Amino acid sequence: GPRAARLQALFITVDPERDSAEVLRDYTAAFHPAILGLRGS
C-alpha cells in the first residue's frame, strides 16, 4: 500500500546481449510500472 513509496523494485538482466533497453522497459512494465529494469556491460 502506501509503504510501497519507500521501496524500489529492481530487475537486473543477466542477458544484456538480448535484453535491450526497450525490451527490458516493456517487460518490467508488463508486471508493474514501479519495477525498474537495469542492464550493463
PDB file of all heavy atoms in Angstrom:
ATOM      1  N   GLY A   1       0.822  -1.210   0.000  1.00  0.00           N
ATOM      2  CA  GLY A   1       0.000   0.000   0.000  1.00  0.00           C
ATOM      3  C   GLY A   1       0.854   1.257   0.000  1.00  0.00           C
ATOM      4  O   GLY A   1       1.821   1.351  -0.757  1.00  0.00           O
ATOM      5  N   PRO A   2       0.552   2.227   0.871  1.00  0.00           N
ATOM      6  CA  PRO A   2       1.335   3.476   0.919  1.00  0.00           C
ATOM      7  C   PRO A   2       2.813   3.257   1.245  1.00  0.00           C
ATOM      8  O   PRO A   2       3.651   4.077   0.873  1.00  0.00           O
ATOM      9  CB  PRO A   2       0.640   4.278   2.027  1.00  0.00           C
ATOM     10  CG  PRO A   2      -0.730   3.710   2.119  1.00  0.00           C
ATOM     11  CD  PRO A   2      -0.599   2.256   1.793  1.00  0.00           C
ATOM     12  N   ARG A   3       3.123   2.168   1.928  1.00  0.00           N
ATOM     13  CA  ARG A   3       4.524   1.889   2.270  1.00  0.00           C
ATOM     14  C   ARG A   3       5.360   1.614   1.023  1.00  0.00           C
ATOM     15  O   ARG A   3       6.589   1.684   1.071  1.00  0.00           O
ATOM     16  CB  ARG A   3       4.625   0.703   3.215  1.00  0.00           C
ATOM     17  CG  ARG A   3       4.004   0.911   4.601  1.00  0.00           C
ATOM     18  CD  ARG A   3       4.314  -0.298   5.464  1.00  0.00           C
ATOM     19  NE  ARG A   3       3.741  -0.232   6.785  1.00  0.00           N
ATOM     20  CZ  ARG A   3       2.546  -0.714   7.112  1.00  0.00           C
ATOM     21  NH1 ARG A   3       1.782  -1.285   6.163  1.00  0.00           N
ATOM     22  NH2 ARG A   3       2.096  -0.625   8.351  1.00  0.00           N
ATOM     23  N   ALA A   4       4.722   1.270  -0.093  1.00  0.00           N
ATOM     24  CA  ALA A   4       5.457   0.970  -1.318  1.00  0.00           C
ATOM     25  C   ALA A   4       6.243   2.169  -1.814  1.00  0.00           C
ATOM     26  O   ALA A   4       7.184   2.017  -2.603  1.00  0.00           O
ATOM     27  CB  ALA A   4       4.495   0.495  -2.404  1.00  0.00           C
ATOM     28  N   ALA A   5       5.893   3.367  -1.352  1.00  0.00           N
ATOM     29  CA  ALA A   5       6.656   4.557  -1.719  1.00  0.00           C
ATOM     30  C   ALA A   5       8.070   4.503  -1.152  1.00  0.00           C
ATOM     31  O   ALA A   5       8.962   5.218  -1.626  1.00  0.00           O
ATOM     32  CB  ALA A   5       5.948   5.815  -1.232  1.00  0.00           C
ATOM     33  N   ARG A   6       8.294   3.660  -0.144  1.00  0.00           N
ATOM     34  CA  ARG A   6       9.617   3.513   0.471  1.00  0.00           C
ATOM     35  C   ARG A   6      10.377   2.304  -0.094  1.00  0.00           C
ATOM     36  O   ARG A   6      11.383   1.885   0.463  1.00  0.00           O
ATOM     37  CB  ARG A   6       9.482   3.337   1.984  1.00  0.00           C
ATOM     38  CG  ARG A   6       8.861   4.509   2.728  1.00  0.00           C
ATOM     39  CD  ARG A   6       9.804   5.678   2.847  1.00  0.00           C
ATOM     40  NE  ARG A   6      11.071   5.321   3.461  1.00  0.00           N
ATOM     41  CZ  ARG A   6      11.269   5.258   4.792  1.00  0.00           C
ATOM     42  NH1 ARG A   6      10.265   5.550   5.622  1.00  0.00           N
ATOM     43  NH2 ARG A   6      12.455   4.953   5.279  1.00  0.00           N
ATOM     44  N   LEU A   7       9.886   1.771  -1.218  1.00  0.00           N
ATOM     45  CA  LEU A   7      10.508   0.585  -1.813  1.00  0.00           C
ATOM     46  C   LEU A   7      10.755   0.818  -3.299  1.00  0.00           C
ATOM     47  O   LEU A   7       9.879   1.310  -4.006  1.00  0.00           O
ATOM     48  CB  LEU A   7       9.613  -0.648  -1.634  1.00  0.00           C
ATOM     49  CG  LEU A   7      10.138  -1.957  -2.244  1.00  0.00           C
ATOM     50  CD1 LEU A   7      11.300  -2.501  -1.423  1.00  0.00           C
ATOM     51  CD2 LEU A   7       9.023  -2.989  -2.349  1.00  0.00           C
ATOM     52  N   GLN A   8      11.949   0.459  -3.764  1.00  0.00           N
ATOM     53  CA  GLN A   8      12.252   0.461  -5.193  1.00  0.00           C
ATOM     54  C   GLN A   8      12.514  -0.965  -5.636  1.00  0.00           C
ATOM     55  O   GLN A   8      13.458  -1.608  -5.180  1.00  0.00           O
ATOM     56  CB  GLN A   8      13.468   1.330  -5.504  1.00  0.00           C
ATOM     57  CG  GLN A   8      13.872   1.325  -6.963  1.00  0.00           C
ATOM     58  CD  GLN A   8      12.763   1.830  -7.874  1.00  0.00           C
ATOM     59  OE1 GLN A   8      12.323   2.977  -7.754  1.00  0.00           O
ATOM     60  NE2 GLN A   8      12.304   0.988  -8.782  1.00  0.00           N
ATOM     61  N   ALA A   9      11.663  -1.468  -6.519  1.00  0.00           N
ATOM     62  CA  ALA A   9      11.842  -2.815  -7.057  1.00  0.00           C
ATOM     63  C   ALA A   9      12.731  -2.746  -8.292  1.00  0.00           C
ATOM     64  O   ALA A   9      12.534  -1.901  -9.170  1.00  0.00           O
ATOM     65  CB  ALA A   9      10.488  -3.421  -7.408  1.00  0.00           C
ATOM     66  N   LEU A  10      13.710  -3.656  -8.370  1.00  0.00           N
ATOM     67  CA  LEU A  10      14.679  -3.659  -9.466  1.00  0.00           C
ATOM     68  C   LEU A  10      14.780  -5.052 -10.077  1.00  0.00           C
ATOM     69  O   LEU A  10      14.747  -6.060  -9.372  1.00  0.00           O
ATOM     70  CB  LEU A  10      16.064  -3.243  -8.957  1.00  0.00           C
ATOM     71  CG  LEU A  10      16.171  -1.852  -8.332  1.00  0.00           C
ATOM     72  CD1 LEU A  10      17.529  -1.691  -7.647  1.00  0.00           C
ATOM     73  CD2 LEU A  10      15.979  -0.774  -9.389  1.00  0.00           C
ATOM     74  N   PHE A  11      14.902  -5.075 -11.409  1.00  0.00           N
ATOM     75  CA  PHE A  11      15.106  -6.329 -12.135  1.00  0.00           C
ATOM     76  C   PHE A  11      16.375  -6.171 -12.963  1.00  0.00           C
ATOM     77  O   PHE A  11      16.423  -5.378 -13.905  1.00  0.00           O
ATOM     78  CB  PHE A  11      13.909  -6.629 -13.037  1.00  0.00           C
ATOM     79  CG  PHE A  11      14.048  -7.896 -13.852  1.00  0.00           C
ATOM     80  CD1 PHE A  11      13.922  -9.135 -13.247  1.00  0.00           C
ATOM     81  CD2 PHE A  11      14.296  -7.840 -15.216  1.00  0.00           C
ATOM     82  CE1 PHE A  11      14.048 -10.301 -13.983  1.00  0.00           C
ATOM     83  CE2 PHE A  11      14.416  -8.999 -15.965  1.00  0.00           C
ATOM     84  CZ  PHE A  11      14.290 -10.233 -15.351  1.00  0.00           C
ATOM     85  N   ILE A  12      17.431  -6.899 -12.598  1.00  0.00           N
ATOM     86  CA  ILE A  12      18.722  -6.811 -13.278  1.00  0.00           C
ATOM     87  C   ILE A  12      18.835  -7.965 -14.268  1.00  0.00           C
ATOM     88  O   ILE A  12      18.805  -9.136 -13.866  1.00  0.00           O
ATOM     89  CB  ILE A  12      19.881  -6.852 -12.267  1.00  0.00           C
ATOM     90  CG1 ILE A  12      19.777  -5.666 -11.298  1.00  0.00           C
ATOM     91  CG2 ILE A  12      21.219  -6.838 -12.996  1.00  0.00           C
ATOM     92  CD1 ILE A  12      20.845  -5.665 -10.213  1.00  0.00           C
ATOM     93  N   THR A  13      18.954  -7.646 -15.550  1.00  0.00           N
ATOM     94  CA  THR A  13      19.041  -8.713 -16.538  1.00  0.00           C
ATOM     95  C   THR A  13      20.440  -9.318 -16.563  1.00  0.00           C
ATOM     96  O   THR A  13      21.450  -8.606 -16.523  1.00  0.00           O
ATOM     97  CB  THR A  13      18.681  -8.211 -17.947  1.00  0.00           C
ATOM     98  OG1 THR A  13      18.861  -9.302 -18.885  1.00  0.00           O
ATOM     99  CG2 THR A  13      19.533  -7.042 -18.389  1.00  0.00           C
ATOM    100  N   VAL A  14      20.480 -10.649 -16.653  1.00  0.00           N
ATOM    101  CA  VAL A  14      21.745 -11.368 -16.789  1.00  0.00           C
ATOM    102  C   VAL A  14      21.996 -11.697 -18.259  1.00  0.00           C
ATOM    103  O   VAL A  14      22.942 -12.420 -18.590  1.00  0.00           O
ATOM    104  CB  VAL A  14      21.759 -12.658 -15.942  1.00  0.00           C
ATOM    105  CG1 VAL A  14      21.652 -12.332 -14.461  1.00  0.00           C
ATOM    106  CG2 VAL A  14      20.642 -13.617 -16.370  1.00  0.00           C
ATOM    107  N   ASP A  15      21.157 -11.141 -19.145  1.00  0.00           N
ATOM    108  CA  ASP A  15      21.271 -11.386 -20.586  1.00  0.00           C
ATOM    109  C   ASP A  15      21.227 -10.062 -21.351  1.00  0.00           C
ATOM    110  O   ASP A  15      20.354  -9.848 -22.182  1.00  0.00           O
ATOM    111  CB  ASP A  15      20.146 -12.307 -21.044  1.00  0.00           C
ATOM    112  CG  ASP A  15      20.309 -12.783 -22.483  1.00  0.00           C
ATOM    113  OD1 ASP A  15      21.430 -12.653 -23.027  1.00  0.00           O
ATOM    114  OD2 ASP A  15      19.317 -13.264 -23.063  1.00  0.00           O
ATOM    115  N   PRO A  16      22.172  -9.150 -21.067  1.00  0.00           N
ATOM    116  CA  PRO A  16      22.142  -7.849 -21.746  1.00  0.00           C
ATOM    117  C   PRO A  16      22.352  -7.953 -23.249  1.00  0.00           C
ATOM    118  O   PRO A  16      22.015  -7.027 -23.985  1.00  0.00           O
ATOM    119  CB  PRO A  16      23.288  -7.081 -21.067  1.00  0.00           C
ATOM    120  CG  PRO A  16      24.211  -8.135 -20.555  1.00  0.00           C
ATOM    121  CD  PRO A  16      23.327  -9.266 -20.148  1.00  0.00           C
ATOM    122  N   GLU A  17      22.894  -9.072 -23.707  1.00  0.00           N
ATOM    123  CA  GLU A  17      23.108  -9.272 -25.142  1.00  0.00           C
ATOM    124  C   GLU A  17      21.787  -9.240 -25.904  1.00  0.00           C
ATOM    125  O   GLU A  17      21.698  -8.688 -27.009  1.00  0.00           O
ATOM    126  CB  GLU A  17      23.834 -10.600 -25.366  1.00  0.00           C
ATOM    127  CG  GLU A  17      24.171 -10.908 -26.811  1.00  0.00           C
ATOM    128  CD  GLU A  17      24.924 -12.224 -26.955  1.00  0.00           C
ATOM    129  OE1 GLU A  17      25.497 -12.700 -25.959  1.00  0.00           O
ATOM    130  OE2 GLU A  17      24.931 -12.766 -28.077  1.00  0.00           O
ATOM    131  N   ARG A  18      20.734  -9.824 -25.322  1.00  0.00           N
ATOM    132  CA  ARG A  18      19.423  -9.855 -25.988  1.00  0.00           C
ATOM    133  C   ARG A  18      18.437  -8.873 -25.379  1.00  0.00           C
ATOM    134  O   ARG A  18      17.511  -8.421 -26.064  1.00  0.00           O
ATOM    135  CB  ARG A  18      18.851 -11.279 -25.925  1.00  0.00           C
ATOM    136  CG  ARG A  18      19.636 -12.294 -26.710  1.00  0.00           C
ATOM    137  CD  ARG A  18      18.962 -13.649 -26.734  1.00  0.00           C
ATOM    138  NE  ARG A  18      18.840 -14.253 -25.400  1.00  0.00           N
ATOM    139  CZ  ARG A  18      18.450 -15.499 -25.176  1.00  0.00           C
ATOM    140  NH1 ARG A  18      18.149 -16.273 -26.198  1.00  0.00           N
ATOM    141  NH2 ARG A  18      18.382 -15.973 -23.951  1.00  0.00           N
ATOM    142  N   ASP A  19      18.614  -8.546 -24.100  1.00  0.00           N
ATOM    143  CA  ASP A  19      17.654  -7.669 -23.417  1.00  0.00           C
ATOM    144  C   ASP A  19      18.073  -6.216 -23.601  1.00  0.00           C
ATOM    145  O   ASP A  19      18.779  -5.630 -22.775  1.00  0.00           O
ATOM    146  CB  ASP A  19      17.578  -8.028 -21.927  1.00  0.00           C
ATOM    147  CG  ASP A  19      17.005  -9.409 -21.705  1.00  0.00           C
ATOM    148  OD1 ASP A  19      16.498 -10.003 -22.674  1.00  0.00           O
ATOM    149  OD2 ASP A  19      17.088  -9.896 -20.567  1.00  0.00           O
ATOM    150  N   SER A  20      17.632  -5.632 -24.710  1.00  0.00           N
ATOM    151  CA  SER A  20      17.921  -4.225 -24.963  1.00  0.00           C
ATOM    152  C   SER A  20      17.155  -3.353 -23.979  1.00  0.00           C
ATOM    153  O   SER A  20      16.272  -3.828 -23.248  1.00  0.00           O
ATOM    154  CB  SER A  20      17.526  -3.861 -26.392  1.00  0.00           C
ATOM    155  OG  SER A  20      16.112  -3.946 -26.545  1.00  0.00           O
ATOM    156  N   ALA A  21      17.469  -2.063 -23.981  1.00  0.00           N
ATOM    157  CA  ALA A  21      16.780  -1.142 -23.068  1.00  0.00           C
ATOM    158  C   ALA A  21      15.281  -1.141 -23.321  1.00  0.00           C
ATOM    159  O   ALA A  21      14.470  -1.170 -22.386  1.00  0.00           O
ATOM    160  CB  ALA A  21      17.361   0.262 -23.233  1.00  0.00           C
ATOM    161  N   GLU A  22      14.895  -1.108 -24.586  1.00  0.00           N
ATOM    162  CA  GLU A  22      13.465  -1.077 -24.923  1.00  0.00           C
ATOM    163  C   GLU A  22      12.772  -2.368 -24.516  1.00  0.00           C
ATOM    164  O   GLU A  22      11.666  -2.354 -23.954  1.00  0.00           O
ATOM    165  CB  GLU A  22      13.296  -0.828 -26.418  1.00  0.00           C
ATOM    166  CG  GLU A  22      11.845  -0.713 -26.860  1.00  0.00           C
ATOM    167  CD  GLU A  22      11.702  -0.420 -28.344  1.00  0.00           C
ATOM    168  OE1 GLU A  22      12.749  -0.311 -29.027  1.00  0.00           O
ATOM    169  OE2 GLU A  22      10.564  -0.315 -28.812  1.00  0.00           O
ATOM    170  N   VAL A  23      13.414  -3.494 -24.799  1.00  0.00           N
ATOM    171  CA  VAL A  23      12.841  -4.798 -24.426  1.00  0.00           C
ATOM    172  C   VAL A  23      12.683  -4.889 -22.913  1.00  0.00           C
ATOM    173  O   VAL A  23      11.645  -5.354 -22.405  1.00  0.00           O
ATOM    174  CB  VAL A  23      13.734  -5.932 -24.959  1.00  0.00           C
ATOM    175  CG1 VAL A  23      13.349  -7.264 -24.326  1.00  0.00           C
ATOM    176  CG2 VAL A  23      13.631  -6.024 -26.467  1.00  0.00           C
ATOM    177  N   LEU A  24      13.680  -4.438 -22.196  1.00  0.00           N
ATOM    178  CA  LEU A  24      13.647  -4.508 -20.737  1.00  0.00           C
ATOM    179  C   LEU A  24      12.557  -3.612 -20.168  1.00  0.00           C
ATOM    180  O   LEU A  24      11.848  -3.993 -19.227  1.00  0.00           O
ATOM    181  CB  LEU A  24      15.013  -4.111 -20.188  1.00  0.00           C
ATOM    182  CG  LEU A  24      15.270  -4.337 -18.700  1.00  0.00           C
ATOM    183  CD1 LEU A  24      15.082  -5.803 -18.332  1.00  0.00           C
ATOM    184  CD2 LEU A  24      16.679  -3.876 -18.339  1.00  0.00           C
ATOM    185  N   ARG A  25      12.403  -2.408 -20.738  1.00  0.00           N
ATOM    186  CA  ARG A  25      11.370  -1.479 -20.267  1.00  0.00           C
ATOM    187  C   ARG A  25       9.972  -2.080 -20.445  1.00  0.00           C
ATOM    188  O   ARG A  25       9.142  -2.046 -19.525  1.00  0.00           O
ATOM    189  CB  ARG A  25      11.461  -0.161 -21.035  1.00  0.00           C
ATOM    190  CG  ARG A  25      10.375   0.842 -20.618  1.00  0.00           C
ATOM    191  CD  ARG A  25      10.301   2.028 -21.552  1.00  0.00           C
ATOM    192  NE  ARG A  25      11.508   2.838 -21.503  1.00  0.00           N
ATOM    193  CZ  ARG A  25      12.386   2.946 -22.475  1.00  0.00           C
ATOM    194  NH1 ARG A  25      12.212   2.256 -23.606  1.00  0.00           N
ATOM    195  NH2 ARG A  25      13.441   3.720 -22.352  1.00  0.00           N
ATOM    196  N   ASP A  26       9.718  -2.644 -21.616  1.00  0.00           N
ATOM    197  CA  ASP A  26       8.396  -3.222 -21.881  1.00  0.00           C
ATOM    198  C   ASP A  26       8.131  -4.430 -20.984  1.00  0.00           C
ATOM    199  O   ASP A  26       7.000  -4.650 -20.528  1.00  0.00           O
ATOM    200  CB  ASP A  26       8.286  -3.635 -23.350  1.00  0.00           C
ATOM    201  CG  ASP A  26       8.287  -2.444 -24.302  1.00  0.00           C
ATOM    202  OD1 ASP A  26       8.059  -1.301 -23.834  1.00  0.00           O
ATOM    203  OD2 ASP A  26       8.532  -2.652 -25.496  1.00  0.00           O
ATOM    204  N   TYR A  27       9.169  -5.196 -20.722  1.00  0.00           N
ATOM    205  CA  TYR A  27       9.000  -6.414 -19.922  1.00  0.00           C
ATOM    206  C   TYR A  27       8.635  -6.081 -18.481  1.00  0.00           C
ATOM    207  O   TYR A  27       7.666  -6.627 -17.940  1.00  0.00           O
ATOM    208  CB  TYR A  27      10.296  -7.228 -19.973  1.00  0.00           C
ATOM    209  CG  TYR A  27      10.228  -8.544 -19.242  1.00  0.00           C
ATOM    210  CD1 TYR A  27       9.488  -9.604 -19.742  1.00  0.00           C
ATOM    211  CD2 TYR A  27      10.941  -8.740 -18.054  1.00  0.00           C
ATOM    212  CE1 TYR A  27       9.434 -10.820 -19.081  1.00  0.00           C
ATOM    213  CE2 TYR A  27      10.902  -9.951 -17.390  1.00  0.00           C
ATOM    214  CZ  TYR A  27      10.142 -10.991 -17.903  1.00  0.00           C
ATOM    215  OH  TYR A  27      10.087 -12.193 -17.241  1.00  0.00           O
ATOM    216  N   THR A  28       9.373  -5.209 -17.848  1.00  0.00           N
ATOM    217  CA  THR A  28       9.086  -4.886 -16.447  1.00  0.00           C
ATOM    218  C   THR A  28       7.751  -4.160 -16.311  1.00  0.00           C
ATOM    219  O   THR A  28       7.012  -4.381 -15.346  1.00  0.00           O
ATOM    220  CB  THR A  28      10.210  -4.028 -15.844  1.00  0.00           C
ATOM    221  OG1 THR A  28      10.395  -2.848 -16.636  1.00  0.00           O
ATOM    222  CG2 THR A  28      11.509  -4.814 -15.784  1.00  0.00           C
ATOM    223  N   ALA A  29       7.418  -3.300 -17.289  1.00  0.00           N
ATOM    224  CA  ALA A  29       6.153  -2.565 -17.230  1.00  0.00           C
ATOM    225  C   ALA A  29       4.957  -3.506 -17.314  1.00  0.00           C
ATOM    226  O   ALA A  29       3.875  -3.187 -16.799  1.00  0.00           O
ATOM    227  CB  ALA A  29       6.096  -1.539 -18.358  1.00  0.00           C
ATOM    228  N   ALA A  30       5.129  -4.655 -17.947  1.00  0.00           N
ATOM    229  CA  ALA A  30       4.032  -5.612 -18.055  1.00  0.00           C
ATOM    230  C   ALA A  30       3.652  -6.194 -16.695  1.00  0.00           C
ATOM    231  O   ALA A  30       2.527  -6.680 -16.520  1.00  0.00           O
ATOM    232  CB  ALA A  30       4.410  -6.736 -19.020  1.00  0.00           C
ATOM    233  N   PHE A  31       4.574  -6.148 -15.741  1.00  0.00           N
ATOM    234  CA  PHE A  31       4.294  -6.667 -14.406  1.00  0.00           C
ATOM    235  C   PHE A  31       3.861  -5.552 -13.458  1.00  0.00           C
ATOM    236  O   PHE A  31       2.886  -5.702 -12.732  1.00  0.00           O
ATOM    237  CB  PHE A  31       5.521  -7.388 -13.862  1.00  0.00           C
ATOM    238  CG  PHE A  31       5.852  -8.644 -14.601  1.00  0.00           C
ATOM    239  CD1 PHE A  31       6.755  -8.627 -15.650  1.00  0.00           C
ATOM    240  CD2 PHE A  31       5.245  -9.845 -14.270  1.00  0.00           C
ATOM    241  CE1 PHE A  31       7.063  -9.781 -16.355  1.00  0.00           C
ATOM    242  CE2 PHE A  31       5.529 -11.008 -14.956  1.00  0.00           C
ATOM    243  CZ  PHE A  31       6.445 -10.976 -16.016  1.00  0.00           C
ATOM    244  N   HIS A  32       4.585  -4.443 -13.446  1.00  0.00           N
ATOM    245  CA  HIS A  32       4.202  -3.294 -12.623  1.00  0.00           C
ATOM    246  C   HIS A  32       5.046  -2.099 -13.037  1.00  0.00           C
ATOM    247  O   HIS A  32       6.261  -2.241 -13.231  1.00  0.00           O
ATOM    248  CB  HIS A  32       4.410  -3.590 -11.136  1.00  0.00           C
ATOM    249  CG  HIS A  32       3.672  -2.650 -10.232  1.00  0.00           C
ATOM    250  ND1 HIS A  32       4.110  -1.353  -9.983  1.00  0.00           N
ATOM    251  CD2 HIS A  32       2.522  -2.793  -9.528  1.00  0.00           C
ATOM    252  CE1 HIS A  32       3.266  -0.761  -9.163  1.00  0.00           C
ATOM    253  NE2 HIS A  32       2.301  -1.609  -8.865  1.00  0.00           N
ATOM    254  N   PRO A  33       4.435  -0.931 -13.173  1.00  0.00           N
ATOM    255  CA  PRO A  33       5.206   0.246 -13.613  1.00  0.00           C
ATOM    256  C   PRO A  33       6.282   0.685 -12.630  1.00  0.00           C
ATOM    257  O   PRO A  33       7.197   1.424 -13.011  1.00  0.00           O
ATOM    258  CB  PRO A  33       4.130   1.329 -13.773  1.00  0.00           C
ATOM    259  CG  PRO A  33       2.972   0.852 -12.948  1.00  0.00           C
ATOM    260  CD  PRO A  33       2.999  -0.637 -13.037  1.00  0.00           C
ATOM    261  N   ALA A  34       6.192   0.244 -11.380  1.00  0.00           N
ATOM    262  CA  ALA A  34       7.183   0.644 -10.382  1.00  0.00           C
ATOM    263  C   ALA A  34       8.447  -0.198 -10.441  1.00  0.00           C
ATOM    264  O   ALA A  34       9.448   0.143  -9.802  1.00  0.00           O
ATOM    265  CB  ALA A  34       6.591   0.573  -8.981  1.00  0.00           C
ATOM    266  N   ILE A  35       8.437  -1.290 -11.204  1.00  0.00           N
ATOM    267  CA  ILE A  35       9.622  -2.143 -11.314  1.00  0.00           C
ATOM    268  C   ILE A  35      10.563  -1.526 -12.345  1.00  0.00           C
ATOM    269  O   ILE A  35      10.182  -1.287 -13.486  1.00  0.00           O
ATOM    270  CB  ILE A  35       9.253  -3.579 -11.722  1.00  0.00           C
ATOM    271  CG1 ILE A  35       8.273  -4.190 -10.712  1.00  0.00           C
ATOM    272  CG2 ILE A  35      10.507  -4.444 -11.830  1.00  0.00           C
ATOM    273  CD1 ILE A  35       7.756  -5.565 -11.122  1.00  0.00           C
ATOM    274  N   LEU A  36      11.807  -1.293 -11.947  1.00  0.00           N
ATOM    275  CA  LEU A  36      12.793  -0.668 -12.822  1.00  0.00           C
ATOM    276  C   LEU A  36      13.785  -1.719 -13.305  1.00  0.00           C
ATOM    277  O   LEU A  36      14.407  -2.415 -12.507  1.00  0.00           O
ATOM    278  CB  LEU A  36      13.534   0.437 -12.065  1.00  0.00           C
ATOM    279  CG  LEU A  36      14.594   1.223 -12.847  1.00  0.00           C
ATOM    280  CD1 LEU A  36      13.948   2.013 -13.987  1.00  0.00           C
ATOM    281  CD2 LEU A  36      15.361   2.158 -11.909  1.00  0.00           C
ATOM    282  N   GLY A  37      13.919  -1.816 -14.618  1.00  0.00           N
ATOM    283  CA  GLY A  37      14.886  -2.739 -15.198  1.00  0.00           C
ATOM    284  C   GLY A  37      16.254  -2.102 -15.296  1.00  0.00           C
ATOM    285  O   GLY A  37      16.381  -0.914 -15.585  1.00  0.00           O
ATOM    286  N   LEU A  38      17.292  -2.900 -15.057  1.00  0.00           N
ATOM    287  CA  LEU A  38      18.670  -2.422 -15.140  1.00  0.00           C
ATOM    288  C   LEU A  38      19.492  -3.374 -16.000  1.00  0.00           C
ATOM    289  O   LEU A  38      19.283  -4.588 -15.978  1.00  0.00           O
ATOM    290  CB  LEU A  38      19.306  -2.316 -13.749  1.00  0.00           C
ATOM    291  CG  LEU A  38      18.674  -1.344 -12.749  1.00  0.00           C
ATOM    292  CD1 LEU A  38      19.413  -1.409 -11.422  1.00  0.00           C
ATOM    293  CD2 LEU A  38      18.665   0.078 -13.289  1.00  0.00           C
ATOM    294  N   ARG A  39      20.426  -2.799 -16.747  1.00  0.00           N
ATOM    295  CA  ARG A  39      21.319  -3.599 -17.582  1.00  0.00           C
ATOM    296  C   ARG A  39      22.692  -2.940 -17.610  1.00  0.00           C
ATOM    297  O   ARG A  39      22.839  -1.791 -17.197  1.00  0.00           O
ATOM    298  CB  ARG A  39      20.763  -3.758 -19.003  1.00  0.00           C
ATOM    299  CG  ARG A  39      20.619  -2.446 -19.750  1.00  0.00           C
ATOM    300  CD  ARG A  39      19.818  -2.608 -21.040  1.00  0.00           C
ATOM    301  NE  ARG A  39      20.413  -3.593 -21.920  1.00  0.00           N
ATOM    302  CZ  ARG A  39      21.394  -3.336 -22.781  1.00  0.00           C
ATOM    303  NH1 ARG A  39      21.904  -2.112 -22.849  1.00  0.00           N
ATOM    304  NH2 ARG A  39      21.867  -4.276 -23.562  1.00  0.00           N
ATOM    305  N   GLY A  40      23.688  -3.680 -18.081  1.00  0.00           N
ATOM    306  CA  GLY A  40      25.035  -3.135 -18.155  1.00  0.00           C
ATOM    307  C   GLY A  40      25.913  -3.994 -19.027  1.00  0.00           C
ATOM    308  O   GLY A  40      25.480  -5.022 -19.556  1.00  0.00           O
ATOM    309  N   SER A  41      27.151  -3.594 -19.171  1.00  0.00           N
ATOM    310  CA  SER A  41      28.108  -4.373 -19.940  1.00  0.00           C
ATOM    311  C   SER A  41      28.352  -5.706 -19.243  1.00  0.00           C
ATOM    312  O   SER A  41      28.075  -5.855 -18.047  1.00  0.00           O
ATOM    313  CB  SER A  41      29.421  -3.597 -20.064  1.00  0.00           C
ATOM    314  OG  SER A  41      30.045  -3.488 -18.791  1.00  0.00           O
TER     315      SER A  41
END
